[in-house]
């Protein structure tokens, strides 16, 4: 991971592509990193709700969590 302005660039080891995350996505990835390497989706959702005061059930958050799962950054 590398900071890119307020966003974040993440390298996907599965398909060798780099993904650029907007600032909101970077905040969620930062929370995930703080949760630890073995963090589950449930743990991350709890942190999103408690620290960002945002429902993790919103479509945009769910889409982002799915993308994190697809690139292997988030376990169910």
N, C-alpha and C. Protein backbone atom coordinates (compact mmCIF):
# COMPACT_ATOMS: atom_id res chain seq x y z
N UNK A 1 0.84 -1.18 0.00
CA UNK A 1 0.00 0.00 0.00
C UNK A 1 0.88 1.24 0.00
N UNK A 2 0.42 2.23 -0.71
CA UNK A 2 1.13 3.51 -0.76
C UNK A 2 0.11 4.65 -0.72
N UNK A 3 0.44 5.68 0.06
CA UNK A 3 -0.39 6.88 0.06
C UNK A 3 -0.30 7.54 -1.31
N UNK A 4 -1.41 8.05 -1.76
CA UNK A 4 -1.48 8.74 -3.04
C UNK A 4 -2.36 9.96 -2.82
N UNK A 5 -1.78 11.05 -2.37
CA UNK A 5 -2.58 12.20 -1.95
C UNK A 5 -3.38 11.79 -0.73
N UNK A 6 -4.69 12.00 -0.77
CA UNK A 6 -5.57 11.56 0.32
C UNK A 6 -6.03 10.13 0.11
N UNK A 7 -5.77 9.58 -1.06
CA UNK A 7 -6.19 8.22 -1.38
C UNK A 7 -5.10 7.22 -1.08
N UNK A 8 -5.25 6.04 -1.65
CA UNK A 8 -4.34 4.95 -1.37
C UNK A 8 -4.23 4.07 -2.61
N UNK A 9 -3.03 3.64 -2.93
CA UNK A 9 -2.81 2.70 -4.03
C UNK A 9 -2.52 1.33 -3.42
N UNK A 10 -3.23 0.32 -3.89
CA UNK A 10 -3.09 -1.04 -3.37
C UNK A 10 -2.75 -1.97 -4.52
N UNK A 11 -1.74 -2.79 -4.33
CA UNK A 11 -1.34 -3.77 -5.33
C UNK A 11 -2.06 -5.09 -5.05
N UNK A 12 -2.76 -5.60 -6.04
CA UNK A 12 -3.48 -6.87 -5.94
C UNK A 12 -2.56 -7.99 -6.42
N UNK A 13 -2.11 -8.82 -5.49
CA UNK A 13 -1.17 -9.90 -5.83
C UNK A 13 -1.82 -11.00 -6.67
N UNK A 14 -3.14 -11.08 -6.66
CA UNK A 14 -3.82 -12.13 -7.42
C UNK A 14 -3.78 -11.87 -8.92
N UNK A 15 -4.01 -10.62 -9.33
CA UNK A 15 -4.03 -10.34 -10.76
C UNK A 15 -2.98 -9.31 -11.19
N UNK A 16 -2.09 -8.96 -10.29
CA UNK A 16 -0.99 -8.05 -10.56
C UNK A 16 -1.47 -6.68 -11.03
N UNK A 17 -2.60 -6.24 -10.52
CA UNK A 17 -3.10 -4.91 -10.87
C UNK A 17 -3.00 -4.00 -9.65
N UNK A 18 -2.86 -2.74 -9.92
CA UNK A 18 -2.85 -1.74 -8.86
C UNK A 18 -4.21 -1.06 -8.85
N UNK A 19 -4.76 -0.92 -7.67
CA UNK A 19 -6.05 -0.26 -7.53
C UNK A 19 -5.83 1.03 -6.74
N UNK A 20 -6.45 2.09 -7.19
CA UNK A 20 -6.35 3.37 -6.50
C UNK A 20 -7.67 3.61 -5.77
N UNK A 21 -7.56 3.80 -4.47
CA UNK A 21 -8.75 4.00 -3.64
C UNK A 21 -8.95 5.47 -3.35
N UNK A 22 -10.20 5.92 -3.35
CA UNK A 22 -10.48 7.31 -2.98
C UNK A 22 -10.25 7.50 -1.48
N UNK A 23 -10.25 8.74 -1.01
CA UNK A 23 -10.02 8.99 0.42
C UNK A 23 -10.93 8.19 1.35
N UNK A 24 -12.21 8.07 1.02
CA UNK A 24 -13.13 7.31 1.89
C UNK A 24 -12.70 5.84 1.97
N UNK A 25 -12.27 5.28 0.87
CA UNK A 25 -11.79 3.90 0.86
C UNK A 25 -10.50 3.76 1.65
N UNK A 26 -9.65 4.77 1.56
CA UNK A 26 -8.39 4.74 2.31
C UNK A 26 -8.65 4.72 3.81
N UNK A 27 -9.67 5.43 4.26
CA UNK A 27 -10.02 5.45 5.69
C UNK A 27 -10.46 4.06 6.13
N UNK A 28 -11.24 3.37 5.31
CA UNK A 28 -11.70 2.03 5.67
C UNK A 28 -10.53 1.05 5.68
N UNK A 29 -9.63 1.15 4.73
CA UNK A 29 -8.46 0.27 4.71
C UNK A 29 -7.57 0.55 5.93
N UNK A 30 -7.48 1.81 6.32
CA UNK A 30 -6.72 2.15 7.53
C UNK A 30 -7.34 1.47 8.76
N UNK A 31 -8.67 1.50 8.86
CA UNK A 31 -9.34 0.80 9.96
C UNK A 31 -9.05 -0.69 9.91
N UNK A 32 -9.08 -1.26 8.72
CA UNK A 32 -8.79 -2.68 8.55
C UNK A 32 -7.37 -3.00 9.01
N UNK A 33 -6.43 -2.16 8.66
CA UNK A 33 -5.04 -2.36 9.07
C UNK A 33 -4.92 -2.30 10.59
N UNK A 34 -5.63 -1.38 11.21
CA UNK A 34 -5.61 -1.25 12.66
C UNK A 34 -6.23 -2.46 13.35
N UNK A 35 -7.18 -3.12 12.68
CA UNK A 35 -7.83 -4.31 13.24
C UNK A 35 -6.86 -5.49 13.33
N UNK A 36 -5.86 -5.50 12.48
CA UNK A 36 -4.88 -6.59 12.49
C UNK A 36 -5.02 -7.49 11.28
N UNK A 37 -4.01 -8.30 11.08
CA UNK A 37 -3.90 -9.13 9.89
C UNK A 37 -5.03 -10.15 9.75
N UNK A 38 -5.53 -10.67 10.84
CA UNK A 38 -6.58 -11.69 10.81
C UNK A 38 -7.97 -11.12 11.01
N UNK A 39 -8.15 -9.84 10.75
CA UNK A 39 -9.44 -9.19 10.98
C UNK A 39 -10.51 -9.79 10.07
N UNK A 40 -11.69 -9.92 10.63
CA UNK A 40 -12.83 -10.42 9.86
C UNK A 40 -13.68 -9.25 9.38
N UNK A 41 -14.56 -9.55 8.47
CA UNK A 41 -15.48 -8.53 7.97
C UNK A 41 -16.33 -7.98 9.11
N UNK A 42 -16.75 -8.85 9.99
CA UNK A 42 -17.58 -8.41 11.12
C UNK A 42 -16.84 -7.41 12.00
N UNK A 43 -15.57 -7.70 12.29
CA UNK A 43 -14.77 -6.77 13.10
C UNK A 43 -14.63 -5.42 12.41
N UNK A 44 -14.37 -5.45 11.11
CA UNK A 44 -14.23 -4.20 10.37
C UNK A 44 -15.55 -3.43 10.37
N UNK A 45 -16.66 -4.12 10.17
CA UNK A 45 -17.97 -3.46 10.17
C UNK A 45 -18.25 -2.79 11.51
N UNK A 46 -17.87 -3.46 12.59
CA UNK A 46 -18.06 -2.87 13.92
C UNK A 46 -17.23 -1.59 14.07
N UNK A 47 -16.00 -1.62 13.55
CA UNK A 47 -15.14 -0.42 13.62
C UNK A 47 -15.69 0.70 12.74
N UNK A 48 -16.19 0.35 11.56
CA UNK A 48 -16.76 1.36 10.67
C UNK A 48 -17.92 2.07 11.37
N UNK A 49 -18.78 1.27 11.99
CA UNK A 49 -19.95 1.85 12.66
C UNK A 49 -19.55 2.68 13.88
N UNK A 50 -18.64 2.17 14.69
CA UNK A 50 -18.29 2.88 15.92
C UNK A 50 -17.38 4.09 15.68
N UNK A 51 -16.44 3.99 14.78
CA UNK A 51 -15.48 5.08 14.60
C UNK A 51 -15.86 6.09 13.52
N UNK A 52 -16.59 5.64 12.51
CA UNK A 52 -16.97 6.56 11.43
C UNK A 52 -18.43 6.98 11.53
N UNK A 53 -19.18 6.33 12.42
CA UNK A 53 -20.61 6.61 12.60
C UNK A 53 -21.36 6.47 11.28
N UNK A 54 -21.01 5.42 10.55
CA UNK A 54 -21.63 5.10 9.27
C UNK A 54 -22.11 3.66 9.32
N UNK A 55 -23.28 3.41 8.77
CA UNK A 55 -23.78 2.04 8.74
C UNK A 55 -23.01 1.23 7.71
N UNK A 56 -22.44 0.09 8.13
CA UNK A 56 -21.73 -0.75 7.16
C UNK A 56 -22.68 -1.47 6.20
N UNK A 57 -23.98 -1.31 6.40
CA UNK A 57 -24.97 -1.98 5.54
C UNK A 57 -25.36 -1.15 4.32
N UNK A 58 -24.81 0.05 4.20
CA UNK A 58 -25.14 0.86 3.03
C UNK A 58 -24.57 0.20 1.77
N UNK A 59 -25.24 0.36 0.65
CA UNK A 59 -24.76 -0.29 -0.58
C UNK A 59 -23.32 0.07 -0.95
N UNK A 60 -22.93 1.32 -0.76
CA UNK A 60 -21.57 1.71 -1.15
C UNK A 60 -20.52 1.05 -0.25
N UNK A 61 -20.80 0.93 1.04
CA UNK A 61 -19.86 0.26 1.95
C UNK A 61 -19.82 -1.23 1.63
N UNK A 62 -20.97 -1.84 1.38
CA UNK A 62 -21.00 -3.26 1.05
C UNK A 62 -20.24 -3.54 -0.24
N UNK A 63 -20.38 -2.67 -1.23
CA UNK A 63 -19.63 -2.83 -2.48
C UNK A 63 -18.13 -2.76 -2.23
N UNK A 64 -17.73 -1.82 -1.38
CA UNK A 64 -16.31 -1.68 -1.08
C UNK A 64 -15.78 -2.89 -0.32
N UNK A 65 -16.54 -3.39 0.64
CA UNK A 65 -16.12 -4.58 1.40
C UNK A 65 -16.00 -5.79 0.47
N UNK A 66 -16.92 -5.91 -0.47
CA UNK A 66 -16.85 -7.00 -1.45
C UNK A 66 -15.56 -6.89 -2.27
N UNK A 67 -15.23 -5.68 -2.67
CA UNK A 67 -14.00 -5.47 -3.43
C UNK A 67 -12.77 -5.85 -2.60
N UNK A 68 -12.78 -5.53 -1.32
CA UNK A 68 -11.66 -5.92 -0.45
C UNK A 68 -11.56 -7.44 -0.33
N UNK A 69 -12.71 -8.11 -0.27
CA UNK A 69 -12.70 -9.59 -0.23
C UNK A 69 -12.13 -10.15 -1.52
N UNK A 70 -12.55 -9.58 -2.64
CA UNK A 70 -12.12 -10.08 -3.95
C UNK A 70 -10.61 -9.97 -4.15
N UNK A 71 -9.99 -8.97 -3.57
CA UNK A 71 -8.54 -8.83 -3.74
C UNK A 71 -7.78 -9.44 -2.56
N UNK A 72 -8.50 -10.15 -1.70
CA UNK A 72 -7.85 -10.90 -0.63
C UNK A 72 -7.43 -10.10 0.58
N UNK A 73 -7.98 -8.91 0.74
CA UNK A 73 -7.61 -8.09 1.90
C UNK A 73 -8.51 -8.30 3.10
N UNK A 74 -9.66 -8.93 2.90
CA UNK A 74 -10.64 -9.07 3.98
C UNK A 74 -11.19 -10.48 4.02
N UNK A 75 -11.14 -11.07 5.20
CA UNK A 75 -11.72 -12.41 5.40
C UNK A 75 -13.16 -12.26 5.85
N UNK A 76 -13.96 -13.25 5.52
CA UNK A 76 -15.36 -13.23 5.97
C UNK A 76 -15.37 -13.49 7.42
